PDB file of N, CA and C in Angstrom:
ATOM      1  N   UNK A   1       0.813  -1.119  -0.240  1.00  0.00           N
ATOM      2  CA  UNK A   1       0.061   0.073  -0.154  1.00  0.00           C
ATOM      3  C   UNK A   1       1.133   1.227  -0.244  1.00  0.00           C
ATOM      4  N   UNK A   2       1.971   1.124   0.522  1.00  0.00           N
ATOM      5  CA  UNK A   2       2.826   2.280   0.804  1.00  0.00           C
ATOM      6  C   UNK A   2       3.424   2.731  -0.586  1.00  0.00           C
ATOM      7  N   UNK A   3       3.450   1.935  -1.607  1.00  0.00           N
ATOM      8  CA  UNK A   3       4.115   2.208  -2.913  1.00  0.00           C
ATOM      9  C   UNK A   3       3.001   2.729  -3.799  1.00  0.00           C
ATOM     10  N   UNK A   4       1.854   3.083  -3.509  1.00  0.00           N
ATOM     11  CA  UNK A   4       0.890   3.638  -4.484  1.00  0.00           C
ATOM     12  C   UNK A   4       0.805   5.412  -4.356  1.00  0.00           C
ATOM     13  N   UNK A   5       0.492   5.819  -5.168  1.00  0.00           N
ATOM     14  CA  UNK A   5       0.346   7.134  -5.517  1.00  0.00           C
ATOM     15  C   UNK A   5      -0.721   7.724  -4.792  1.00  0.00           C
ATOM     16  N   UNK A   6      -1.015   8.866  -4.068  1.00  0.00           N
ATOM     17  CA  UNK A   6      -2.244   9.509  -3.507  1.00  0.00           C
ATOM     18  C   UNK A   6      -3.221   9.674  -4.610  1.00  0.00           C
ATOM     19  N   UNK A   7      -4.242   9.264  -4.585  1.00  0.00           N
ATOM     20  CA  UNK A   7      -5.387  10.143  -5.616  1.00  0.00           C
ATOM     21  C   UNK A   7      -5.556  11.502  -5.641  1.00  0.00           C
ATOM     22  N   UNK A   8      -5.105  12.158  -4.450  1.00  0.00           N
ATOM     23  CA  UNK A   8      -5.343  13.573  -4.355  1.00  0.00           C
ATOM     24  C   UNK A   8      -4.229  14.325  -4.507  1.00  0.00           C
ATOM     25  N   UNK A   9      -3.798  15.132  -5.199  1.00  0.00           N
ATOM     26  CA  UNK A   9      -2.491  15.895  -4.989  1.00  0.00           C
ATOM     27  C   UNK A   9      -3.040  17.105  -4.280  1.00  0.00           C
ATOM     28  N   UNK A  10      -2.182  17.754  -3.306  1.00  0.00           N
ATOM     29  CA  UNK A  10      -2.659  19.166  -2.574  1.00  0.00           C
ATOM     30  C   UNK A  10      -2.336  20.026  -3.917  1.00  0.00           C
ATOM     31  N   UNK A  11      -3.503  21.092  -3.743  1.00  0.00           N
ATOM     32  CA  UNK A  11      -3.018  22.433  -4.702  1.00  0.00           C
ATOM     33  C   UNK A  11      -2.518  23.117  -3.979  1.00  0.00           C
ATOM     34  N   UNK A  12      -1.718  24.010  -4.723  1.00  0.00           N
ATOM     35  CA  UNK A  12      -1.007  25.173  -4.361  1.00  0.00           C
ATOM     36  C   UNK A  12      -1.885  26.195  -4.026  1.00  0.00           C
ATOM     37  N   UNK A  13      -1.485  27.176  -3.129  1.00  0.00           N
ATOM     38  CA  UNK A  13      -2.414  28.400  -2.708  1.00  0.00           C
ATOM     39  C   UNK A  13      -2.687  29.199  -4.087  1.00  0.00           C
ATOM     40  N   UNK A  14      -3.908  29.753  -4.540  1.00  0.00           N
ATOM     41  CA  UNK A  14      -4.255  30.549  -5.504  1.00  0.00           C
ATOM     42  C   UNK A  14      -4.452  29.737  -6.486  1.00  0.00           C
ATOM     43  N   UNK A  15      -4.919  28.644  -6.636  1.00  0.00           N
ATOM     44  CA  UNK A  15      -5.400  27.652  -7.841  1.00  0.00           C
ATOM     45  C   UNK A  15      -6.639  28.048  -8.138  1.00  0.00           C
ATOM     46  N   UNK A  16      -6.625  27.702  -9.570  1.00  0.00           N
ATOM     47  CA  UNK A  16      -8.308  27.884  -9.920  1.00  0.00           C
ATOM     48  C   UNK A  16      -9.121  27.504  -9.195  1.00  0.00           C
ATOM     49  N   UNK A  17      -9.291  26.360  -8.684  1.00  0.00           N
ATOM     50  CA  UNK A  17     -10.387  25.996  -7.809  1.00  0.00           C
ATOM     51  C   UNK A  17     -10.621  27.087  -6.589  1.00  0.00           C
ATOM     52  N   UNK A  18      -9.886  27.887  -6.200  1.00  0.00           N
ATOM     53  CA  UNK A  18      -9.915  28.906  -4.773  1.00  0.00           C
ATOM     54  C   UNK A  18     -10.029  30.001  -5.124  1.00  0.00           C
ATOM     55  N   UNK A  19     -10.248  30.360  -6.613  1.00  0.00           N
ATOM     56  CA  UNK A  19     -10.451  31.673  -7.071  1.00  0.00           C
ATOM     57  C   UNK A  19     -11.869  32.330  -6.679  1.00  0.00           C
ATOM     58  N   UNK A  20     -11.857  33.710  -6.345  1.00  0.00           N
ATOM     59  CA  UNK A  20     -13.207  34.289  -5.986  1.00  0.00           C
ATOM     60  C   UNK A  20     -13.060  35.654  -6.543  1.00  0.00           C
ATOM     61  N   UNK A  21     -14.110  35.896  -7.510  1.00  0.00           N
ATOM     62  CA  UNK A  21     -14.011  37.278  -8.186  1.00  0.00           C
ATOM     63  C   UNK A  21     -13.873  38.559  -6.840  1.00  0.00           C
ATOM     64  N   UNK A  22     -13.125  39.282  -7.193  1.00  0.00           N
ATOM     65  CA  UNK A  22     -13.077  40.601  -6.210  1.00  0.00           C
ATOM     66  C   UNK A  22     -14.403  41.266  -6.044  1.00  0.00           C
ATOM     67  N   UNK A  23     -14.769  41.685  -4.803  1.00  0.00           N
ATOM     68  CA  UNK A  23     -15.857  42.417  -4.564  1.00  0.00           C
ATOM     69  C   UNK A  23     -15.726  43.641  -4.770  1.00  0.00           C
ATOM     70  N   UNK A  24     -16.789  44.713  -5.223  1.00  0.00           N
ATOM     71  CA  UNK A  24     -16.568  46.142  -5.227  1.00  0.00           C
ATOM     72  C   UNK A  24     -16.940  46.463  -3.941  1.00  0.00           C
ATOM     73  N   UNK A  25     -15.929  47.577  -3.735  1.00  0.00           N
ATOM     74  CA  UNK A  25     -16.201  48.439  -2.400  1.00  0.00           C
ATOM     75  C   UNK A  25     -17.496  49.337  -2.322  1.00  0.00           C
ATOM     76  N   UNK A  26     -17.917  49.697  -1.125  1.00  0.00           N
ATOM     77  CA  UNK A  26     -19.059  50.571  -1.196  1.00  0.00           C
ATOM     78  C   UNK A  26     -18.760  51.858  -1.813  1.00  0.00           C
ATOM     79  N   UNK A  27     -19.717  52.666  -2.439  1.00  0.00           N
ATOM     80  CA  UNK A  27     -19.329  54.003  -2.981  1.00  0.00           C
ATOM     81  C   UNK A  27     -19.613  54.895  -1.844  1.00  0.00           C
ATOM     82  N   UNK A  28     -18.582  55.490  -1.525  1.00  0.00           N
ATOM     83  CA  UNK A  28     -18.784  56.730  -0.593  1.00  0.00           C
ATOM     84  C   UNK A  28     -19.323  57.615  -1.148  1.00  0.00           C
ATOM     85  N   UNK A  29     -19.592  58.777  -0.258  1.00  0.00           N
ATOM     86  CA  UNK A  29     -20.256  60.067  -0.557  1.00  0.00           C
ATOM     87  C   UNK A  29     -19.032  61.055  -1.313  1.00  0.00           C
ATOM     88  N   UNK A  30     -17.766  60.991  -1.306  1.00  0.00           N
ATOM     89  CA  UNK A  30     -16.497  61.531  -1.748  1.00  0.00           C
ATOM     90  C   UNK A  30     -16.564  60.908  -3.218  1.00  0.00           C
ATOM     91  N   UNK A  31     -16.802  59.541  -3.241  1.00  0.00           N
ATOM     92  CA  UNK A  31     -16.757  58.839  -4.569  1.00  0.00           C
ATOM     93  C   UNK A  31     -17.596  59.442  -5.642  1.00  0.00           C
ATOM     94  N   UNK A  32     -19.271  59.749  -5.199  1.00  0.00           N
ATOM     95  CA  UNK A  32     -20.264  60.358  -5.742  1.00  0.00           C
ATOM     96  C   UNK A  32     -19.910  61.719  -6.230  1.00  0.00           C
ATOM     97  N   UNK A  33     -19.209  62.617  -5.238  1.00  0.00           N
ATOM     98  CA  UNK A  33     -18.946  63.864  -5.348  1.00  0.00           C
ATOM     99  C   UNK A  33     -17.680  64.034  -6.388  1.00  0.00           C
ATOM    100  N   UNK A  34     -16.843  62.982  -6.564  1.00  0.00           N
ATOM    101  CA  UNK A  34     -15.864  63.231  -7.719  1.00  0.00           C
ATOM    102  C   UNK A  34     -16.522  62.575  -9.135  1.00  0.00           C
ATOM    103  N   UNK A  35     -17.318  61.927  -8.905  1.00  0.00           N
ATOM    104  CA  UNK A  35     -17.975  61.258 -10.110  1.00  0.00           C
ATOM    105  C   UNK A  35     -18.886  62.641 -10.757  1.00  0.00           C
ATOM    106  N   UNK A  36     -19.561  63.309  -9.827  1.00  0.00           N
ATOM    107  CA  UNK A  36     -20.133  64.900 -10.111  1.00  0.00           C
ATOM    108  C   UNK A  36     -19.301  65.843 -11.057  1.00  0.00           C
ATOM    109  N   UNK A  37     -17.904  65.926 -10.179  1.00  0.00           N
ATOM    110  CA  UNK A  37     -17.108  66.699 -10.565  1.00  0.00           C
ATOM    111  C   UNK A  37     -16.482  66.496 -11.863  1.00  0.00           C
ATOM    112  N   UNK A  38     -16.337  65.219 -12.315  1.00  0.00           N
ATOM    113  CA  UNK A  38     -15.662  64.807 -13.424  1.00  0.00           C
ATOM    114  C   UNK A  38     -16.694  64.974 -14.627  1.00  0.00           C
ATOM    115  N   UNK A  39     -17.881  64.633 -14.066  1.00  0.00           N
ATOM    116  CA  UNK A  39     -18.990  64.997 -15.171  1.00  0.00           C
ATOM    117  C   UNK A  39     -18.987  66.037 -15.491  1.00  0.00           C
ATOM    118  N   UNK A  40     -19.352  67.116 -14.546  1.00  0.00           N
ATOM    119  CA  UNK A  40     -19.068  68.533 -15.118  1.00  0.00           C
ATOM    120  C   UNK A  40     -17.795  69.371 -15.807  1.00  0.00           C
ATOM    121  N   UNK A  41     -16.964  68.526 -15.359  1.00  0.00           N
ATOM    122  CA  UNK A  41     -15.684  68.935 -15.764  1.00  0.00           C
ATOM    123  C   UNK A  41     -15.774  68.765 -17.666  1.00  0.00           C
ATOM    124  N   UNK A  42     -16.356  67.454 -17.709  1.00  0.00           N
ATOM    125  CA  UNK A  42     -16.269  66.814 -19.054  1.00  0.00           C
ATOM    126  C   UNK A  42     -17.167  67.893 -20.045  1.00  0.00           C
ATOM    127  N   UNK A  43     -18.497  68.414 -19.285  1.00  0.00           N
ATOM    128  CA  UNK A  43     -19.290  69.262 -19.692  1.00  0.00           C
ATOM    129  C   UNK A  43     -18.641  70.643 -20.203  1.00  0.00           C
ATOM    130  N   UNK A  44     -17.775  71.130 -19.402  1.00  0.00           N
ATOM    131  CA  UNK A  44     -17.391  72.345 -19.290  1.00  0.00           C
ATOM    132  C   UNK A  44     -16.454  72.362 -20.197  1.00  0.00           C
ATOM    133  N   UNK A  45     -15.462  71.368 -20.360  1.00  0.00           N
ATOM    134  CA  UNK A  45     -14.323  71.456 -21.509  1.00  0.00           C
ATOM    135  C   UNK A  45     -15.189  70.964 -22.631  1.00  0.00           C
ATOM    136  N   UNK A  46     -16.062  70.298 -23.012  1.00  0.00           N
ATOM    137  CA  UNK A  46     -16.823  70.372 -24.211  1.00  0.00           C
ATOM    138  C   UNK A  46     -17.367  71.420 -24.593  1.00  0.00           C
ATOM    139  N   UNK A  47     -17.888  72.501 -23.778  1.00  0.00           N
ATOM    140  CA  UNK A  47     -18.718  73.852 -24.113  1.00  0.00           C
ATOM    141  C   UNK A  47     -17.531  74.446 -24.375  1.00  0.00           C
ATOM    142  N   UNK A  48     -16.391  74.783 -23.632  1.00  0.00           N
ATOM    143  CA  UNK A  48     -15.180  75.441 -24.454  1.00  0.00           C
ATOM    144  C   UNK A  48     -14.868  75.390 -25.614  1.00  0.00           C
ATOM    145  N   UNK A  49     -14.773  73.826 -25.974  1.00  0.00           N
ATOM    146  CA  UNK A  49     -14.237  73.294 -27.133  1.00  0.00           C
ATOM    147  C   UNK A  49     -15.132  74.052 -28.244  1.00  0.00           C
ATOM    148  N   UNK A  50     -16.558  73.818 -28.015  1.00  0.00           N
ATOM    149  CA  UNK A  50     -17.443  74.277 -28.846  1.00  0.00           C
ATOM    150  C   UNK A  50     -17.071  75.813 -29.199  1.00  0.00           C
ATOM    151  N   UNK A  51     -17.335  76.562 -28.325  1.00  0.00           N
ATOM    152  CA  UNK A  51     -17.075  77.903 -28.101  1.00  0.00           C
ATOM    153  C   UNK A  51     -15.881  78.305 -29.032  1.00  0.00           C
ATOM    154  N   UNK A  52     -14.596  77.600 -28.638  1.00  0.00           N
ATOM    155  CA  UNK A  52     -13.513  77.731 -29.602  1.00  0.00           C
ATOM    156  C   UNK A  52     -13.378  77.557 -30.891  1.00  0.00           C
ATOM    157  N   UNK A  53     -14.481  76.663 -31.228  1.00  0.00           N
ATOM    158  CA  UNK A  53     -14.623  76.336 -32.538  1.00  0.00           C
ATOM    159  C   UNK A  53     -15.387  77.434 -33.252  1.00  0.00           C
ATOM    160  N   UNK A  54     -16.216  77.913 -32.804  1.00  0.00           N
ATOM    161  CA  UNK A  54     -17.149  78.831 -33.159  1.00  0.00           C
ATOM    162  C   UNK A  54     -16.469  80.279 -33.387  1.00  0.00           C
ATOM    163  N   UNK A  55     -15.737  80.609 -32.291  1.00  0.00           N
ATOM    164  CA  UNK A  55     -14.981  81.820 -32.401  1.00  0.00           C
ATOM    165  C   UNK A  55     -13.556  81.559 -33.515  1.00  0.00           C
ATOM    166  N   UNK A  56     -13.070  80.568 -33.698  1.00  0.00           N
ATOM    167  CA  UNK A  56     -12.152  80.177 -34.881  1.00  0.00           C
ATOM    168  C   UNK A  56     -12.648  80.520 -36.403  1.00  0.00           C
ATOM    169  N   UNK A  57     -14.016  80.145 -36.406  1.00  0.00           N
ATOM    170  CA  UNK A  57     -14.474  80.495 -37.648  1.00  0.00           C
ATOM    171  C   UNK A  57     -14.710  81.700 -37.940  1.00  0.00           C
ATOM    172  N   UNK A  58     -15.084  82.504 -36.768  1.00  0.00           N
ATOM    173  CA  UNK A  58     -15.634  83.984 -36.913  1.00  0.00           C
ATOM    174  C   UNK A  58     -14.217  84.527 -37.147  1.00  0.00           C
ATOM    175  N   UNK A  59     -12.935  84.149 -36.468  1.00  0.00           N
ATOM    176  CA  UNK A  59     -11.778  84.684 -36.899  1.00  0.00           C
ATOM    177  C   UNK A  59     -11.424  84.500 -38.297  1.00  0.00           C
ATOM    178  N   UNK A  60     -11.616  83.279 -38.861  1.00  0.00           N
ATOM    179  CA  UNK A  60     -11.165  83.125 -40.244  1.00  0.00           C
ATOM    180  C   UNK A  60     -11.892  84.085 -41.156  1.00  0.00           C
ATOM    181  N   UNK A  61     -13.419  84.379 -40.836  1.00  0.00           N
ATOM    182  CA  UNK A  61     -14.216  84.944 -41.640  1.00  0.00           C
ATOM    183  C   UNK A  61     -13.455  86.689 -41.492  1.00  0.00           C
ATOM    184  N   UNK A  62     -13.257  87.165 -40.467  1.00  0.00           N
ATOM    185  CA  UNK A  62     -12.731  88.486 -40.481  1.00  0.00           C
ATOM    186  C   UNK A  62     -11.251  88.414 -41.088  1.00  0.00           C
ATOM    187  N   UNK A  63     -10.453  87.456 -41.069  1.00  0.00           N
ATOM    188  CA  UNK A  63      -9.309  87.598 -41.620  1.00  0.00           C
ATOM    189  C   UNK A  63      -9.155  87.364 -42.985  1.00  0.00           C
ATOM    190  N   UNK A  64     -10.463  86.980 -43.714  1.00  0.00           N
ATOM    191  CA  UNK A  64     -10.783  86.643 -45.174  1.00  0.00           C
ATOM    192  C   UNK A  64     -11.198  88.087 -45.641  1.00  0.00           C
ATOM    193  N   UNK A  65     -11.750  89.209 -44.793  1.00  0.00           N
ATOM    194  CA  UNK A  65     -12.232  90.076 -45.365  1.00  0.00           C
ATOM    195  C   UNK A  65     -11.411  91.178 -45.673  1.00  0.00           C
ATOM    196  N   UNK A  66     -10.457  91.250 -44.877  1.00  0.00           N
ATOM    197  CA  UNK A  66      -9.365  92.257 -45.375  1.00  0.00           C
ATOM    198  C   UNK A  66      -8.069  91.945 -44.831  1.00  0.00           C
ATOM    199  N   UNK A  67      -7.080  92.422 -45.691  1.00  0.00           N
ATOM    200  CA  UNK A  67      -5.855  91.946 -45.126  1.00  0.00           C
ATOM    201  C   UNK A  67      -5.161  92.182 -44.059  1.00  0.00           C
ATOM    202  N   UNK A  68      -5.707  93.627 -43.609  1.00  0.00           N
ATOM    203  CA  UNK A  68      -5.378  94.115 -42.159  1.00  0.00           C
ATOM    204  C   UNK A  68      -5.749  93.467 -41.408  1.00  0.00           C
ATOM    205  N   UNK A  69      -6.486  92.440 -41.284  1.00  0.00           N
ATOM    206  CA  UNK A  69      -6.899  91.440 -40.455  1.00  0.00           C
ATOM    207  C   UNK A  69      -6.420  90.006 -40.393  1.00  0.00           C
ATOM    208  N   UNK A  70      -5.417  90.057 -41.020  1.00  0.00           N
ATOM    209  CA  UNK A  70      -4.848  88.664 -41.483  1.00  0.00           C
ATOM    210  C   UNK A  70      -4.335  88.013 -39.926  1.00  0.00           C
ATOM    211  N   UNK A  71      -4.134  88.579 -38.866  1.00  0.00           N
ATOM    212  CA  UNK A  71      -3.718  88.147 -37.614  1.00  0.00           C
ATOM    213  C   UNK A  71      -4.960  87.185 -36.874  1.00  0.00           C
ATOM    214  N   UNK A  72      -6.112  87.756 -37.448  1.00  0.00           N
ATOM    215  CA  UNK A  72      -7.100  86.691 -36.715  1.00  0.00           C
ATOM    216  C   UNK A  72      -7.063  85.188 -37.655  1.00  0.00           C
ATOM    217  N   UNK A  73      -6.340  85.072 -38.576  1.00  0.00           N
ATOM    218  CA  UNK A  73      -6.426  83.800 -39.326  1.00  0.00           C
ATOM    219  C   UNK A  73      -5.246  83.106 -38.239  1.00  0.00           C
ATOM    220  N   UNK A  74      -4.288  83.546 -37.751  1.00  0.00           N
ATOM    221  CA  UNK A  74      -3.353  83.211 -36.881  1.00  0.00           C
ATOM    222  C   UNK A  74      -3.869  82.717 -35.598  1.00  0.00           C
ATOM    223  N   UNK A  75      -4.859  83.819 -34.750  1.00  0.00           N
ATOM    224  CA  UNK A  75      -5.412  83.343 -33.918  1.00  0.00           C
ATOM    225  C   UNK A  75      -6.388  82.129 -33.871  1.00  0.00           C
ATOM    226  N   UNK A  76      -6.941  81.973 -35.241  1.00  0.00           N
ATOM    227  CA  UNK A  76      -7.686  80.811 -35.435  1.00  0.00           C
ATOM    228  C   UNK A  76      -7.117  79.371 -35.591  1.00  0.00           C
ATOM    229  N   UNK A  77      -5.699  79.610 -35.963  1.00  0.00           N
ATOM    230  CA  UNK A  77      -4.978  78.271 -35.882  1.00  0.00           C
ATOM    231  C   UNK A  77      -4.582  77.884 -34.461  1.00  0.00           C
ATOM    232  N   UNK A  78      -4.221  79.130 -33.718  1.00  0.00           N
ATOM    233  CA  UNK A  78      -3.991  78.853 -32.152  1.00  0.00           C
ATOM    234  C   UNK A  78      -5.190  78.167 -31.522  1.00  0.00           C
ATOM    235  N   UNK A  79      -6.335  78.619 -31.949  1.00  0.00           N
ATOM    236  CA  UNK A  79      -7.679  77.735 -31.318  1.00  0.00           C
ATOM    237  C   UNK A  79      -7.704  76.552 -31.522  1.00  0.00           C
ATOM    238  N   UNK A  80      -7.593  75.979 -32.939  1.00  0.00           N
ATOM    239  CA  UNK A  80      -7.462  74.809 -33.613  1.00  0.00           C
ATOM    240  C   UNK A  80      -6.376  73.970 -32.573  1.00  0.00           C
ATOM    241  N   UNK A  81      -5.366  74.410 -32.386  1.00  0.00           N
ATOM    242  CA  UNK A  81      -4.239  73.757 -31.575  1.00  0.00           C
ATOM    243  C   UNK A  81      -4.766  73.387 -30.391  1.00  0.00           C
ATOM    244  N   UNK A  82      -5.392  74.243 -29.560  1.00  0.00           N
ATOM    245  CA  UNK A  82      -6.154  74.359 -28.289  1.00  0.00           C
ATOM    246  C   UNK A  82      -7.164  73.183 -28.347  1.00  0.00           C
ATOM    247  N   UNK A  83      -8.131  73.093 -29.347  1.00  0.00           N
ATOM    248  CA  UNK A  83      -9.124  72.020 -29.458  1.00  0.00           C
ATOM    249  C   UNK A  83      -8.217  70.685 -29.778  1.00  0.00           C
ATOM    250  N   UNK A  84      -7.448  71.004 -30.694  1.00  0.00           N
ATOM    251  CA  UNK A  84      -6.611  69.450 -30.775  1.00  0.00           C
ATOM    252  C   UNK A  84      -6.101  68.883 -29.521  1.00  0.00           C
ATOM    253  N   UNK A  85      -5.575  69.919 -28.608  1.00  0.00           N
ATOM    254  CA  UNK A  85      -4.789  69.583 -27.466  1.00  0.00           C
ATOM    255  C   UNK A  85      -6.092  68.996 -26.347  1.00  0.00           C
ATOM    256  N   UNK A  86      -6.967  69.631 -26.466  1.00  0.00           N
ATOM    257  CA  UNK A  86      -8.229  69.481 -25.333  1.00  0.00           C
ATOM    258  C   UNK A  86      -8.880  68.184 -25.824  1.00  0.00           C
ATOM    259  N   UNK A  87      -8.981  67.417 -26.969  1.00  0.00           N
ATOM    260  CA  UNK A  87      -9.618  66.149 -27.474  1.00  0.00           C
ATOM    261  C   UNK A  87      -9.309  65.215 -26.424  1.00  0.00           C
ATOM    262  N   UNK A  88      -8.039  64.805 -26.220  1.00  0.00           N
ATOM    263  CA  UNK A  88      -7.508  63.698 -25.352  1.00  0.00           C
ATOM    264  C   UNK A  88      -7.863  63.895 -24.097  1.00  0.00           C
ATOM    265  N   UNK A  89      -7.796  65.199 -23.347  1.00  0.00           N
ATOM    266  CA  UNK A  89      -8.600  65.455 -22.152  1.00  0.00           C
ATOM    267  C   UNK A  89      -9.930  65.123 -21.959  1.00  0.00           C
ATOM    268  N   UNK A  90     -10.624  65.728 -23.081  1.00  0.00           N
ATOM    269  CA  UNK A  90     -12.262  65.415 -23.026  1.00  0.00           C
ATOM    270  C   UNK A  90     -12.507  63.905 -23.145  1.00  0.00           C
ATOM    271  N   UNK A  91     -11.995  63.189 -23.889  1.00  0.00           N
ATOM    272  CA  UNK A  91     -12.053  61.685 -23.966  1.00  0.00           C
ATOM    273  C   UNK A  91     -11.808  61.070 -22.763  1.00  0.00           C
ATOM    274  N   UNK A  92     -10.667  61.423 -21.911  1.00  0.00           N
ATOM    275  CA  UNK A  92     -10.136  60.682 -20.713  1.00  0.00           C
ATOM    276  C   UNK A  92     -11.271  61.128 -19.521  1.00  0.00           C
ATOM    277  N   UNK A  93     -11.740  62.490 -19.675  1.00  0.00           N
ATOM    278  CA  UNK A  93     -12.364  62.900 -18.422  1.00  0.00           C
ATOM    279  C   UNK A  93     -13.946  62.322 -18.588  1.00  0.00           C
ATOM    280  N   UNK A  94     -14.264  62.171 -19.873  1.00  0.00           N
ATOM    281  CA  UNK A  94     -15.489  61.776 -20.121  1.00  0.00           C
ATOM    282  C   UNK A  94     -15.632  60.102 -19.792  1.00  0.00           C
ATOM    283  N   UNK A  95     -14.727  59.145 -20.279  1.00  0.00           N
ATOM    284  CA  UNK A  95     -14.648  57.842 -19.839  1.00  0.00           C
ATOM    285  C   UNK A  95     -14.527  57.463 -18.636  1.00  0.00           C
ATOM    286  N   UNK A  96     -13.712  58.408 -17.719  1.00  0.00           N
ATOM    287  CA  UNK A  96     -13.678  58.110 -16.179  1.00  0.00           C
ATOM    288  C   UNK A  96     -15.119  58.555 -15.730  1.00  0.00           C
ATOM    289  N   UNK A  97     -15.589  59.612 -16.276  1.00  0.00           N
ATOM    290  CA  UNK A  97     -16.855  59.954 -15.666  1.00  0.00           C
ATOM    291  C   UNK A  97     -17.911  59.202 -15.806  1.00  0.00           C
ATOM    292  N   UNK A  98     -17.729  58.650 -16.956  1.00  0.00           N
ATOM    293  CA  UNK A  98     -18.892  57.697 -17.206  1.00  0.00           C
ATOM    294  C   UNK A  98     -18.939  56.346 -16.763  1.00  0.00           C
ATOM    295  N   UNK A  99     -17.870  55.687 -16.376  1.00  0.00           N
ATOM    296  CA  UNK A  99     -17.475  54.657 -15.452  1.00  0.00           C
ATOM    297  C   UNK A  99     -17.766  54.907 -14.034  1.00  0.00           C
ATOM    298  N   UNK A 100     -17.635  56.026 -13.598  1.00  0.00           N
ATOM    299  CA  UNK A 100     -17.969  56.349 -12.108  1.00  0.00           C
ATOM    300  C   UNK A 100     -19.291  56.709 -11.919  1.00  0.00           C
ATOM    301  N   UNK A 101     -20.100  56.888 -12.838  1.00  0.00           N
ATOM    302  CA  UNK A 101     -21.519  57.637 -12.671  1.00  0.00           C
ATOM    303  C   UNK A 101     -22.093  56.244 -13.002  1.00  0.00           C
ATOM    304  N   UNK A 102     -21.737  55.047 -13.706  1.00  0.00           N
ATOM    305  CA  UNK A 102     -22.521  53.940 -13.899  1.00  0.00           C
ATOM    306  C   UNK A 102     -22.336  53.219 -12.707  1.00  0.00           C
ATOM    307  N   UNK A 103     -20.979  53.089 -11.879  1.00  0.00           N
ATOM    308  CA  UNK A 103     -20.971  52.313 -10.510  1.00  0.00           C
ATOM    309  C   UNK A 103     -21.782  53.102  -9.430  1.00  0.00           C
ATOM    310  N   UNK A 104     -21.978  54.535  -9.435  1.00  0.00           N
ATOM    311  CA  UNK A 104     -22.792  54.949  -8.367  1.00  0.00           C
ATOM    312  C   UNK A 104     -24.206  54.754  -8.595  1.00  0.00           C
ATOM    313  N   UNK A 105     -24.766  54.511 -10.183  1.00  0.00           N
ATOM    314  CA  UNK A 105     -26.106  54.473 -10.284  1.00  0.00           C
ATOM    315  C   UNK A 105     -26.371  52.637  -9.928  1.00  0.00           C
ATOM    316  N   UNK A 106     -25.221  51.950 -10.417  1.00  0.00           N
ATOM    317  CA  UNK A 106     -25.779  50.417 -10.118  1.00  0.00           C
ATOM    318  C   UNK A 106     -25.815  50.322  -8.476  1.00  0.00           C
ATOM    319  N   UNK A 107     -25.245  51.028  -7.575  1.00  0.00           N
ATOM    320  CA  UNK A 107     -25.086  50.513  -6.362  1.00  0.00           C
ATOM    321  C   UNK A 107     -25.907  51.610  -5.525  1.00  0.00           C
ATOM    322  N   UNK A 108     -26.680  52.258  -6.210  1.00  0.00           N
ATOM    323  CA  UNK A 108     -27.933  53.083  -5.899  1.00  0.00           C
ATOM    324  C   UNK A 108     -29.167  52.398  -5.873  1.00  0.00           C
ATOM    325  N   UNK A 109     -29.239  51.457  -6.599  1.00  0.00           N
ATOM    326  CA  UNK A 109     -30.575  50.805  -7.168  1.00  0.00           C
ATOM    327  C   UNK A 109     -30.814  49.879  -5.699  1.00  0.00           C
ATOM    328  N   UNK A 110     -32.085  49.627  -5.613  1.00  0.00           N
ATOM    329  CA  UNK A 110     -32.600  48.867  -4.416  1.00  0.00           C
ATOM    330  C   UNK A 110     -32.003  47.571  -4.898  1.00  0.00           C
ATOM    331  N   UNK A 111     -31.839  46.752  -3.679  1.00  0.00           N
ATOM    332  CA  UNK A 111     -31.205  45.508  -3.891  1.00  0.00           C
ATOM    333  C   UNK A 111     -30.010  45.257  -4.303  1.00  0.00           C
ATOM    334  N   UNK A 112     -28.916  46.231  -4.770  1.00  0.00           N
ATOM    335  CA  UNK A 112     -27.863  45.975  -5.016  1.00  0.00           C
ATOM    336  C   UNK A 112     -26.845  46.772  -3.924  1.00  0.00           C
ATOM    337  N   UNK A 113     -27.207  47.134  -2.597  1.00  0.00           N
ATOM    338  CA  UNK A 113     -26.410  47.504  -1.706  1.00  0.00           C
ATOM    339  C   UNK A 113     -25.587  46.395  -1.378  1.00  0.00           C
ATOM    340  N   UNK A 114     -24.311  46.940  -0.794  1.00  0.00           N
ATOM    341  CA  UNK A 114     -23.357  45.968  -0.584  1.00  0.00           C
ATOM    342  C   UNK A 114     -23.720  45.459   0.615  1.00  0.00           C
ATOM    343  N   UNK A 115     -23.451  44.130   0.922  1.00  0.00           N
ATOM    344  CA  UNK A 115     -23.744  43.490   2.200  1.00  0.00           C
ATOM    345  C   UNK A 115     -22.388  43.398   3.178  1.00  0.00           C
TER     346      UNK A 115
END
């Protein structure tokens, strides 16, 4: 009997049979506040970019009317560079805000309270 191999080999810690998915922590008031701050930051950045686009078009129209107003064309280009630099910021803030708002909404539903 001592020559036989054991039918059950011990598993090392962290083996697949011992895995449990991580549990989400409770959403705090601070987390909710930051979700709102990020949401409004995305709204403000998007509004500023829209205003910059309209103003740059106005500057191009003014620059096209008279050669003495050619500097407005360069100002329009500066605004376009600002818009191009703001797009990644807007995307990053909007994606983070969306994820945070979704988590806040999921945990605020009845029956989803952490136990």
